[in-house]
PDB file of N, CA and C in Angstrom:
ATOM      1  N   UNK A   1       7.632  -8.688   4.545  1.00  0.00           N
ATOM      2  CA  UNK A   1       6.921  -9.171   3.596  1.00  0.00           C
ATOM      3  C   UNK A   1       6.461  -8.128   2.456  1.00  0.00           C
ATOM      4  N   UNK A   2       6.780  -6.802   2.636  1.00  0.00           N
ATOM      5  CA  UNK A   2       6.658  -5.878   1.873  1.00  0.00           C
ATOM      6  C   UNK A   2       8.369  -5.789   0.817  1.00  0.00           C
ATOM      7  N   UNK A   3       9.357  -5.957   0.533  1.00  0.00           N
ATOM      8  CA  UNK A   3      10.698  -6.271  -0.298  1.00  0.00           C
ATOM      9  C   UNK A   3      10.657  -7.556  -0.982  1.00  0.00           C
ATOM     10  N   UNK A   4      10.029  -8.467  -0.999  1.00  0.00           N
ATOM     11  CA  UNK A   4       9.228 -10.137  -1.026  1.00  0.00           C
ATOM     12  C   UNK A   4       8.405  -9.941  -2.021  1.00  0.00           C
ATOM     13  N   UNK A   5       7.577  -8.709  -1.576  1.00  0.00           N
ATOM     14  CA  UNK A   5       6.079  -8.474  -2.641  1.00  0.00           C
ATOM     15  C   UNK A   5       6.535  -7.592  -3.605  1.00  0.00           C
ATOM     16  N   UNK A   6       7.644  -6.504  -3.746  1.00  0.00           N
ATOM     17  CA  UNK A   6       8.391  -5.755  -4.817  1.00  0.00           C
ATOM     18  C   UNK A   6       8.978  -6.527  -5.711  1.00  0.00           C
ATOM     19  N   UNK A   7      10.307  -7.471  -4.796  1.00  0.00           N
ATOM     20  CA  UNK A   7      10.700  -8.523  -5.708  1.00  0.00           C
ATOM     21  C   UNK A   7       9.931  -9.124  -6.582  1.00  0.00           C
ATOM     22  N   UNK A   8       8.904  -9.582  -6.130  1.00  0.00           N
ATOM     23  CA  UNK A   8       7.786 -10.667  -6.747  1.00  0.00           C
ATOM     24  C   UNK A   8       7.757 -10.004  -8.088  1.00  0.00           C
ATOM     25  N   UNK A   9       7.082  -9.017  -8.042  1.00  0.00           N
ATOM     26  CA  UNK A   9       6.102  -7.691  -8.879  1.00  0.00           C
ATOM     27  C   UNK A   9       7.240  -7.428 -10.110  1.00  0.00           C
ATOM     28  N   UNK A  10       8.537  -7.552  -9.579  1.00  0.00           N
ATOM     29  CA  UNK A  10       9.480  -6.404 -10.565  1.00  0.00           C
ATOM     30  C   UNK A  10       9.982  -8.081 -11.299  1.00  0.00           C
ATOM     31  N   UNK A  11      10.096  -9.399 -10.968  1.00  0.00           N
ATOM     32  CA  UNK A  11      10.409 -10.350 -11.458  1.00  0.00           C
ATOM     33  C   UNK A  11       9.583 -10.574 -12.425  1.00  0.00           C
ATOM     34  N   UNK A  12       7.865 -10.566 -11.963  1.00  0.00           N
ATOM     35  CA  UNK A  12       6.728 -10.295 -12.756  1.00  0.00           C
ATOM     36  C   UNK A  12       6.902  -9.885 -13.862  1.00  0.00           C
ATOM     37  N   UNK A  13       6.933  -8.576 -13.795  1.00  0.00           N
ATOM     38  CA  UNK A  13       7.328  -7.451 -14.439  1.00  0.00           C
ATOM     39  C   UNK A  13       8.148  -7.974 -15.886  1.00  0.00           C
ATOM     40  N   UNK A  14       9.745  -8.138 -15.599  1.00  0.00           N
ATOM     41  CA  UNK A  14      10.399  -8.446 -15.773  1.00  0.00           C
ATOM     42  C   UNK A  14      10.049 -10.074 -17.131  1.00  0.00           C
ATOM     43  N   UNK A  15       9.847 -10.883 -16.052  1.00  0.00           N
ATOM     44  CA  UNK A  15       9.418 -12.225 -16.858  1.00  0.00           C
ATOM     45  C   UNK A  15       8.590 -12.130 -18.119  1.00  0.00           C
ATOM     46  N   UNK A  16       7.204 -11.607 -17.470  1.00  0.00           N
ATOM     47  CA  UNK A  16       6.090 -11.149 -18.604  1.00  0.00           C
ATOM     48  C   UNK A  16       6.992 -10.642 -20.234  1.00  0.00           C
ATOM     49  N   UNK A  17       7.661  -9.813 -20.007  1.00  0.00           N
ATOM     50  CA  UNK A  17       7.772  -8.768 -21.187  1.00  0.00           C
ATOM     51  C   UNK A  17       8.898  -9.897 -21.917  1.00  0.00           C
ATOM     52  N   UNK A  18       9.849 -10.517 -21.172  1.00  0.00           N
ATOM     53  CA  UNK A  18      11.032 -11.358 -22.026  1.00  0.00           C
ATOM     54  C   UNK A  18      10.102 -12.578 -22.792  1.00  0.00           C
ATOM     55  N   UNK A  19       9.215 -13.038 -21.775  1.00  0.00           N
ATOM     56  CA  UNK A  19       8.523 -14.160 -22.467  1.00  0.00           C
ATOM     57  C   UNK A  19       7.335 -14.074 -23.412  1.00  0.00           C
ATOM     58  N   UNK A  20       6.947 -12.763 -23.388  1.00  0.00           N
ATOM     59  CA  UNK A  20       5.939 -12.604 -24.656  1.00  0.00           C
ATOM     60  C   UNK A  20       6.506 -12.805 -25.983  1.00  0.00           C
ATOM     61  N   UNK A  21       7.550 -12.118 -26.173  1.00  0.00           N
ATOM     62  CA  UNK A  21       7.854 -12.864 -27.720  1.00  0.00           C
ATOM     63  C   UNK A  21       7.766 -14.359 -28.009  1.00  0.00           C
ATOM     64  N   UNK A  22       8.532 -15.009 -26.604  1.00  0.00           N
ATOM     65  CA  UNK A  22       8.578 -16.073 -26.750  1.00  0.00           C
ATOM     66  C   UNK A  22       7.026 -16.976 -27.208  1.00  0.00           C
ATOM     67  N   UNK A  23       6.406 -16.890 -26.274  1.00  0.00           N
ATOM     68  CA  UNK A  23       5.230 -17.178 -26.707  1.00  0.00           C
ATOM     69  C   UNK A  23       4.260 -17.152 -27.636  1.00  0.00           C
ATOM     70  N   UNK A  24       4.582 -15.910 -28.450  1.00  0.00           N
ATOM     71  CA  UNK A  24       4.083 -15.511 -29.437  1.00  0.00           C
ATOM     72  C   UNK A  24       4.462 -16.161 -30.628  1.00  0.00           C
ATOM     73  N   UNK A  25       5.839 -16.876 -30.912  1.00  0.00           N
ATOM     74  CA  UNK A  25       6.835 -17.849 -31.962  1.00  0.00           C
ATOM     75  C   UNK A  25       6.207 -19.468 -31.403  1.00  0.00           C
ATOM     76  N   UNK A  26       5.816 -19.342 -29.875  1.00  0.00           N
ATOM     77  CA  UNK A  26       5.423 -20.530 -29.760  1.00  0.00           C
ATOM     78  C   UNK A  26       4.188 -21.096 -30.478  1.00  0.00           C
ATOM     79  N   UNK A  27       3.096 -20.185 -30.578  1.00  0.00           N
ATOM     80  CA  UNK A  27       2.018 -20.367 -30.703  1.00  0.00           C
ATOM     81  C   UNK A  27       1.768 -20.521 -32.514  1.00  0.00           C
ATOM     82  N   UNK A  28       2.356 -19.866 -32.807  1.00  0.00           N
ATOM     83  CA  UNK A  28       2.942 -19.900 -34.074  1.00  0.00           C
ATOM     84  C   UNK A  28       2.761 -18.096 -34.677  1.00  0.00           C
ATOM     85  N   UNK A  29       2.970 -17.214 -34.313  1.00  0.00           N
ATOM     86  CA  UNK A  29       2.860 -15.705 -34.351  1.00  0.00           C
ATOM     87  C   UNK A  29       4.232 -15.653 -35.041  1.00  0.00           C
ATOM     88  N   UNK A  30       5.195 -15.492 -36.106  1.00  0.00           N
ATOM     89  CA  UNK A  30       6.311 -15.435 -36.029  1.00  0.00           C
ATOM     90  C   UNK A  30       6.906 -14.588 -36.906  1.00  0.00           C
ATOM     91  N   UNK A  31       7.745 -13.866 -37.113  1.00  0.00           N
ATOM     92  CA  UNK A  31       8.342 -13.361 -38.078  1.00  0.00           C
ATOM     93  C   UNK A  31       8.585 -13.169 -39.420  1.00  0.00           C
ATOM     94  N   UNK A  32       8.179 -14.550 -40.025  1.00  0.00           N
ATOM     95  CA  UNK A  32       7.937 -15.213 -41.363  1.00  0.00           C
ATOM     96  C   UNK A  32       6.515 -15.154 -41.450  1.00  0.00           C
ATOM     97  N   UNK A  33       5.570 -14.743 -40.598  1.00  0.00           N
ATOM     98  CA  UNK A  33       4.086 -14.884 -40.462  1.00  0.00           C
ATOM     99  C   UNK A  33       3.733 -16.170 -39.753  1.00  0.00           C
ATOM    100  N   UNK A  34       2.298 -16.338 -40.001  1.00  0.00           N
ATOM    101  CA  UNK A  34       1.613 -17.097 -39.386  1.00  0.00           C
ATOM    102  C   UNK A  34       2.110 -18.732 -39.833  1.00  0.00           C
ATOM    103  N   UNK A  35       2.754 -19.480 -39.032  1.00  0.00           N
ATOM    104  CA  UNK A  35       3.443 -21.252 -39.095  1.00  0.00           C
ATOM    105  C   UNK A  35       2.177 -21.750 -39.324  1.00  0.00           C
ATOM    106  N   UNK A  36       2.463 -22.993 -40.298  1.00  0.00           N
ATOM    107  CA  UNK A  36       1.253 -23.658 -41.237  1.00  0.00           C
ATOM    108  C   UNK A  36       1.208 -24.660 -39.958  1.00  0.00           C
ATOM    109  N   UNK A  37      -0.052 -25.262 -39.518  1.00  0.00           N
ATOM    110  CA  UNK A  37      -0.607 -26.216 -39.136  1.00  0.00           C
ATOM    111  C   UNK A  37      -0.619 -25.538 -37.076  1.00  0.00           C
ATOM    112  N   UNK A  38      -0.249 -24.295 -36.875  1.00  0.00           N
ATOM    113  CA  UNK A  38      -0.025 -24.011 -35.745  1.00  0.00           C
ATOM    114  C   UNK A  38      -1.166 -23.494 -35.119  1.00  0.00           C
ATOM    115  N   UNK A  39      -1.383 -23.327 -33.970  1.00  0.00           N
ATOM    116  CA  UNK A  39      -2.402 -22.679 -33.028  1.00  0.00           C
ATOM    117  C   UNK A  39      -3.002 -21.220 -33.988  1.00  0.00           C
ATOM    118  N   UNK A  40      -1.870 -20.204 -33.967  1.00  0.00           N
ATOM    119  CA  UNK A  40      -2.323 -19.116 -35.078  1.00  0.00           C
ATOM    120  C   UNK A  40      -2.794 -19.847 -36.036  1.00  0.00           C
ATOM    121  N   UNK A  41      -2.435 -20.312 -36.924  1.00  0.00           N
ATOM    122  CA  UNK A  41      -3.168 -20.529 -38.036  1.00  0.00           C
ATOM    123  C   UNK A  41      -4.711 -20.812 -37.678  1.00  0.00           C
ATOM    124  N   UNK A  42      -5.238 -21.846 -36.661  1.00  0.00           N
ATOM    125  CA  UNK A  42      -6.199 -21.952 -36.351  1.00  0.00           C
ATOM    126  C   UNK A  42      -7.059 -21.066 -35.796  1.00  0.00           C
ATOM    127  N   UNK A  43      -6.533 -19.839 -35.680  1.00  0.00           N
ATOM    128  CA  UNK A  43      -7.302 -19.103 -35.023  1.00  0.00           C
ATOM    129  C   UNK A  43      -7.829 -17.953 -36.397  1.00  0.00           C
ATOM    130  N   UNK A  44      -6.623 -17.985 -37.309  1.00  0.00           N
ATOM    131  CA  UNK A  44      -6.541 -16.957 -38.597  1.00  0.00           C
ATOM    132  C   UNK A  44      -7.608 -17.524 -38.999  1.00  0.00           C
ATOM    133  N   UNK A  45      -7.618 -19.322 -39.806  1.00  0.00           N
ATOM    134  CA  UNK A  45      -9.143 -19.311 -40.168  1.00  0.00           C
ATOM    135  C   UNK A  45     -10.311 -19.533 -39.821  1.00  0.00           C
ATOM    136  N   UNK A  46     -10.539 -19.657 -38.471  1.00  0.00           N
ATOM    137  CA  UNK A  46     -11.610 -19.178 -37.802  1.00  0.00           C
ATOM    138  C   UNK A  46     -11.766 -17.829 -38.056  1.00  0.00           C
ATOM    139  N   UNK A  47     -11.339 -16.440 -38.081  1.00  0.00           N
ATOM    140  CA  UNK A  47     -11.479 -15.242 -37.988  1.00  0.00           C
ATOM    141  C   UNK A  47     -11.875 -15.165 -39.650  1.00  0.00           C
ATOM    142  N   UNK A  48     -11.142 -15.783 -40.668  1.00  0.00           N
ATOM    143  CA  UNK A  48     -11.684 -16.045 -42.045  1.00  0.00           C
ATOM    144  C   UNK A  48     -12.948 -16.318 -41.826  1.00  0.00           C
ATOM    145  N   UNK A  49     -12.889 -17.417 -41.482  1.00  0.00           N
ATOM    146  CA  UNK A  49     -14.531 -17.995 -41.715  1.00  0.00           C
ATOM    147  C   UNK A  49     -15.482 -16.532 -41.325  1.00  0.00           C
ATOM    148  N   UNK A  50     -15.390 -15.970 -40.122  1.00  0.00           N
ATOM    149  CA  UNK A  50     -15.989 -15.643 -38.774  1.00  0.00           C
ATOM    150  C   UNK A  50     -16.474 -14.282 -39.973  1.00  0.00           C
ATOM    151  N   UNK A  51     -15.372 -13.923 -41.124  1.00  0.00           N
ATOM    152  CA  UNK A  51     -15.524 -12.356 -41.456  1.00  0.00           C
ATOM    153  C   UNK A  51     -15.486 -12.701 -43.224  1.00  0.00           C
ATOM    154  N   UNK A  52     -16.161 -13.619 -43.611  1.00  0.00           N
ATOM    155  CA  UNK A  52     -16.551 -13.816 -45.076  1.00  0.00           C
ATOM    156  C   UNK A  52     -15.284 -14.195 -45.878  1.00  0.00           C
ATOM    157  N   UNK A  53     -14.313 -14.111 -45.243  1.00  0.00           N
ATOM    158  CA  UNK A  53     -12.943 -14.843 -46.320  1.00  0.00           C
ATOM    159  C   UNK A  53     -11.643 -14.138 -45.627  1.00  0.00           C
ATOM    160  N   UNK A  54     -11.632 -13.100 -44.967  1.00  0.00           N
ATOM    161  CA  UNK A  54     -10.368 -12.542 -44.472  1.00  0.00           C
ATOM    162  C   UNK A  54     -10.384 -11.839 -43.217  1.00  0.00           C
ATOM    163  N   UNK A  55      -9.429 -11.799 -42.688  1.00  0.00           N
ATOM    164  CA  UNK A  55      -9.066 -11.267 -41.274  1.00  0.00           C
ATOM    165  C   UNK A  55      -9.315  -9.928 -41.292  1.00  0.00           C
ATOM    166  N   UNK A  56      -9.832  -9.698 -40.427  1.00  0.00           N
ATOM    167  CA  UNK A  56     -10.133  -8.073 -40.196  1.00  0.00           C
ATOM    168  C   UNK A  56      -8.994  -7.448 -39.857  1.00  0.00           C
ATOM    169  N   UNK A  57      -8.692  -6.024 -39.817  1.00  0.00           N
ATOM    170  CA  UNK A  57      -7.908  -5.792 -39.453  1.00  0.00           C
ATOM    171  C   UNK A  57      -8.129  -5.055 -38.069  1.00  0.00           C
ATOM    172  N   UNK A  58      -7.229  -5.125 -37.413  1.00  0.00           N
ATOM    173  CA  UNK A  58      -7.431  -4.759 -35.824  1.00  0.00           C
ATOM    174  C   UNK A  58      -8.042  -5.367 -35.143  1.00  0.00           C
ATOM    175  N   UNK A  59      -8.182  -6.884 -35.481  1.00  0.00           N
ATOM    176  CA  UNK A  59      -8.368  -8.205 -34.540  1.00  0.00           C
ATOM    177  C   UNK A  59      -7.511  -8.913 -34.201  1.00  0.00           C
ATOM    178  N   UNK A  60      -7.826  -9.148 -33.156  1.00  0.00           N
ATOM    179  CA  UNK A  60      -7.044 -10.184 -32.438  1.00  0.00           C
ATOM    180  C   UNK A  60      -6.201 -10.528 -33.112  1.00  0.00           C
ATOM    181  N   UNK A  61      -6.179 -11.720 -34.406  1.00  0.00           N
ATOM    182  CA  UNK A  61      -5.656 -12.115 -34.600  1.00  0.00           C
ATOM    183  C   UNK A  61      -4.280 -11.360 -36.029  1.00  0.00           C
ATOM    184  N   UNK A  62      -4.614 -10.300 -36.483  1.00  0.00           N
ATOM    185  CA  UNK A  62      -4.006  -9.154 -36.401  1.00  0.00           C
ATOM    186  C   UNK A  62      -3.256  -8.618 -36.068  1.00  0.00           C
ATOM    187  N   UNK A  63      -3.558  -8.153 -34.738  1.00  0.00           N
ATOM    188  CA  UNK A  63      -2.570  -7.262 -33.850  1.00  0.00           C
ATOM    189  C   UNK A  63      -1.262  -8.627 -33.222  1.00  0.00           C
ATOM    190  N   UNK A  64      -1.980  -9.677 -32.857  1.00  0.00           N
ATOM    191  CA  UNK A  64      -0.865 -10.932 -32.523  1.00  0.00           C
ATOM    192  C   UNK A  64      -0.150 -11.189 -33.618  1.00  0.00           C
ATOM    193  N   UNK A  65      -0.499 -11.431 -35.170  1.00  0.00           N
ATOM    194  CA  UNK A  65       0.893 -11.507 -36.173  1.00  0.00           C
ATOM    195  C   UNK A  65       1.358 -10.130 -35.894  1.00  0.00           C
ATOM    196  N   UNK A  66       0.642  -8.984 -35.642  1.00  0.00           N
ATOM    197  CA  UNK A  66       1.585  -7.773 -36.154  1.00  0.00           C
ATOM    198  C   UNK A  66       2.794  -7.763 -34.882  1.00  0.00           C
ATOM    199  N   UNK A  67       2.737  -7.966 -33.805  1.00  0.00           N
ATOM    200  CA  UNK A  67       3.714  -8.076 -32.587  1.00  0.00           C
ATOM    201  C   UNK A  67       4.513  -9.394 -32.454  1.00  0.00           C
ATOM    202  N   UNK A  68       4.232 -10.674 -33.421  1.00  0.00           N
ATOM    203  CA  UNK A  68       4.936 -11.593 -33.573  1.00  0.00           C
ATOM    204  C   UNK A  68       5.950 -10.995 -34.603  1.00  0.00           C
ATOM    205  N   UNK A  69       5.537 -10.358 -35.779  1.00  0.00           N
ATOM    206  CA  UNK A  69       6.073 -10.002 -36.904  1.00  0.00           C
ATOM    207  C   UNK A  69       7.215  -8.948 -36.817  1.00  0.00           C
ATOM    208  N   UNK A  70       6.831  -7.909 -36.072  1.00  0.00           N
ATOM    209  CA  UNK A  70       7.623  -6.317 -36.190  1.00  0.00           C
ATOM    210  C   UNK A  70       8.262  -6.242 -34.505  1.00  0.00           C
ATOM    211  N   UNK A  71       7.290  -7.179 -33.753  1.00  0.00           N
ATOM    212  CA  UNK A  71       7.835  -7.114 -32.283  1.00  0.00           C
ATOM    213  C   UNK A  71       6.708  -6.259 -31.462  1.00  0.00           C
ATOM    214  N   UNK A  72       6.646  -6.208 -30.168  1.00  0.00           N
ATOM    215  CA  UNK A  72       6.190  -5.713 -29.418  1.00  0.00           C
ATOM    216  C   UNK A  72       6.407  -3.985 -29.144  1.00  0.00           C
ATOM    217  N   UNK A  73       5.329  -3.080 -29.696  1.00  0.00           N
ATOM    218  CA  UNK A  73       5.618  -1.468 -29.548  1.00  0.00           C
ATOM    219  C   UNK A  73       5.864  -1.756 -28.016  1.00  0.00           C
ATOM    220  N   UNK A  74       6.896  -0.514 -27.488  1.00  0.00           N
ATOM    221  CA  UNK A  74       7.110  -0.002 -26.181  1.00  0.00           C
ATOM    222  C   UNK A  74       5.433   0.009 -25.045  1.00  0.00           C
ATOM    223  N   UNK A  75       4.412   0.639 -25.510  1.00  0.00           N
ATOM    224  CA  UNK A  75       3.173   0.955 -24.822  1.00  0.00           C
ATOM    225  C   UNK A  75       2.880  -0.527 -24.585  1.00  0.00           C
ATOM    226  N   UNK A  76       2.675  -1.216 -25.452  1.00  0.00           N
ATOM    227  CA  UNK A  76       2.575  -2.685 -25.424  1.00  0.00           C
ATOM    228  C   UNK A  76       3.453  -3.421 -24.508  1.00  0.00           C
ATOM    229  N   UNK A  77       4.960  -3.098 -24.116  1.00  0.00           N
ATOM    230  CA  UNK A  77       5.181  -4.056 -23.376  1.00  0.00           C
ATOM    231  C   UNK A  77       5.188  -3.477 -21.974  1.00  0.00           C
ATOM    232  N   UNK A  78       4.735  -2.247 -22.098  1.00  0.00           N
ATOM    233  CA  UNK A  78       4.279  -1.683 -20.467  1.00  0.00           C
ATOM    234  C   UNK A  78       3.205  -2.640 -20.362  1.00  0.00           C
ATOM    235  N   UNK A  79       2.452  -2.470 -20.619  1.00  0.00           N
ATOM    236  CA  UNK A  79       0.872  -3.127 -20.362  1.00  0.00           C
ATOM    237  C   UNK A  79       1.157  -4.788 -20.121  1.00  0.00           C
ATOM    238  N   UNK A  80       2.183  -5.084 -20.839  1.00  0.00           N
ATOM    239  CA  UNK A  80       2.268  -6.527 -20.575  1.00  0.00           C
ATOM    240  C   UNK A  80       3.193  -6.979 -19.073  1.00  0.00           C
ATOM    241  N   UNK A  81       4.048  -5.747 -18.812  1.00  0.00           N
ATOM    242  CA  UNK A  81       5.085  -5.464 -17.692  1.00  0.00           C
ATOM    243  C   UNK A  81       3.945  -5.568 -16.771  1.00  0.00           C
ATOM    244  N   UNK A  82       3.055  -4.682 -16.644  1.00  0.00           N
ATOM    245  CA  UNK A  82       2.299  -4.238 -15.378  1.00  0.00           C
ATOM    246  C   UNK A  82       1.724  -5.038 -15.242  1.00  0.00           C
ATOM    247  N   UNK A  83       0.670  -6.366 -15.670  1.00  0.00           N
ATOM    248  CA  UNK A  83       0.019  -7.395 -16.097  1.00  0.00           C
ATOM    249  C   UNK A  83       0.781  -8.189 -15.349  1.00  0.00           C
ATOM    250  N   UNK A  84       2.221  -8.640 -15.802  1.00  0.00           N
ATOM    251  CA  UNK A  84       2.902  -9.599 -15.157  1.00  0.00           C
ATOM    252  C   UNK A  84       3.434  -9.245 -13.559  1.00  0.00           C
ATOM    253  N   UNK A  85       3.708  -8.035 -13.562  1.00  0.00           N
ATOM    254  CA  UNK A  85       3.930  -7.467 -12.043  1.00  0.00           C
ATOM    255  C   UNK A  85       2.608  -7.583 -11.468  1.00  0.00           C
ATOM    256  N   UNK A  86       1.463  -6.902 -11.713  1.00  0.00           N
ATOM    257  CA  UNK A  86      -0.055  -7.757 -10.596  1.00  0.00           C
ATOM    258  C   UNK A  86       0.089  -8.771 -10.550  1.00  0.00           C
ATOM    259  N   UNK A  87       0.426  -9.727 -11.837  1.00  0.00           N
ATOM    260  CA  UNK A  87      -0.159 -11.364 -11.277  1.00  0.00           C
ATOM    261  C   UNK A  87       0.876 -11.573 -10.215  1.00  0.00           C
ATOM    262  N   UNK A  88       1.933 -11.006 -10.422  1.00  0.00           N
ATOM    263  CA  UNK A  88       3.283 -11.487  -9.450  1.00  0.00           C
ATOM    264  C   UNK A  88       2.618 -11.416  -7.961  1.00  0.00           C
ATOM    265  N   UNK A  89       2.700 -10.228  -7.950  1.00  0.00           N
ATOM    266  CA  UNK A  89       2.292  -9.529  -6.751  1.00  0.00           C
ATOM    267  C   UNK A  89       0.844 -10.470  -5.808  1.00  0.00           C
ATOM    268  N   UNK A  90      -0.186 -10.495  -6.816  1.00  0.00           N
ATOM    269  CA  UNK A  90      -1.127 -10.988  -6.372  1.00  0.00           C
ATOM    270  C   UNK A  90      -0.991 -12.791  -5.903  1.00  0.00           C
ATOM    271  N   UNK A  91       0.032 -13.091  -6.272  1.00  0.00           N
ATOM    272  CA  UNK A  91       0.488 -14.824  -6.381  1.00  0.00           C
ATOM    273  C   UNK A  91       1.703 -15.023  -4.582  1.00  0.00           C
ATOM    274  N   UNK A  92       2.336 -13.170  -4.353  1.00  0.00           N
ATOM    275  CA  UNK A  92       3.171 -13.486  -3.098  1.00  0.00           C
ATOM    276  C   UNK A  92       2.315 -12.815  -2.233  1.00  0.00           C
ATOM    277  N   UNK A  93       0.889 -12.494  -2.325  1.00  0.00           N
ATOM    278  CA  UNK A  93      -0.012 -12.426  -1.391  1.00  0.00           C
ATOM    279  C   UNK A  93      -0.199 -13.516  -0.930  1.00  0.00           C
ATOM    280  N   UNK A  94      -0.684 -14.464  -1.986  1.00  0.00           N
ATOM    281  CA  UNK A  94      -1.323 -15.752  -1.682  1.00  0.00           C
ATOM    282  C   UNK A  94      -0.293 -16.686  -1.162  1.00  0.00           C
ATOM    283  N   UNK A  95       0.970 -16.528  -1.491  1.00  0.00           N
ATOM    284  CA  UNK A  95       2.344 -17.430  -0.763  1.00  0.00           C
ATOM    285  C   UNK A  95       2.324 -16.626   0.541  1.00  0.00           C
TER     286      UNK A  95
END
């Protein structure tokens, strides 16, 4: 069981890091900006309304757009990988 869990955690970490840019682009956070009519555009609209017409620096929308445009920084990749490994390990225990 230990080796299987280790394998699952590694696969979860690698899968999460590989999938993050794809998921960002799929919901509309692209390298060219926020895609028209996407979920990201809805998030941006709601954030702008809540902040009086602009998107606040450091907000979730701003951070996700930066990641979609410039890529995910190494520190964030480590966090995404650790989360993926944790989820996979828990699923390994449950299965």
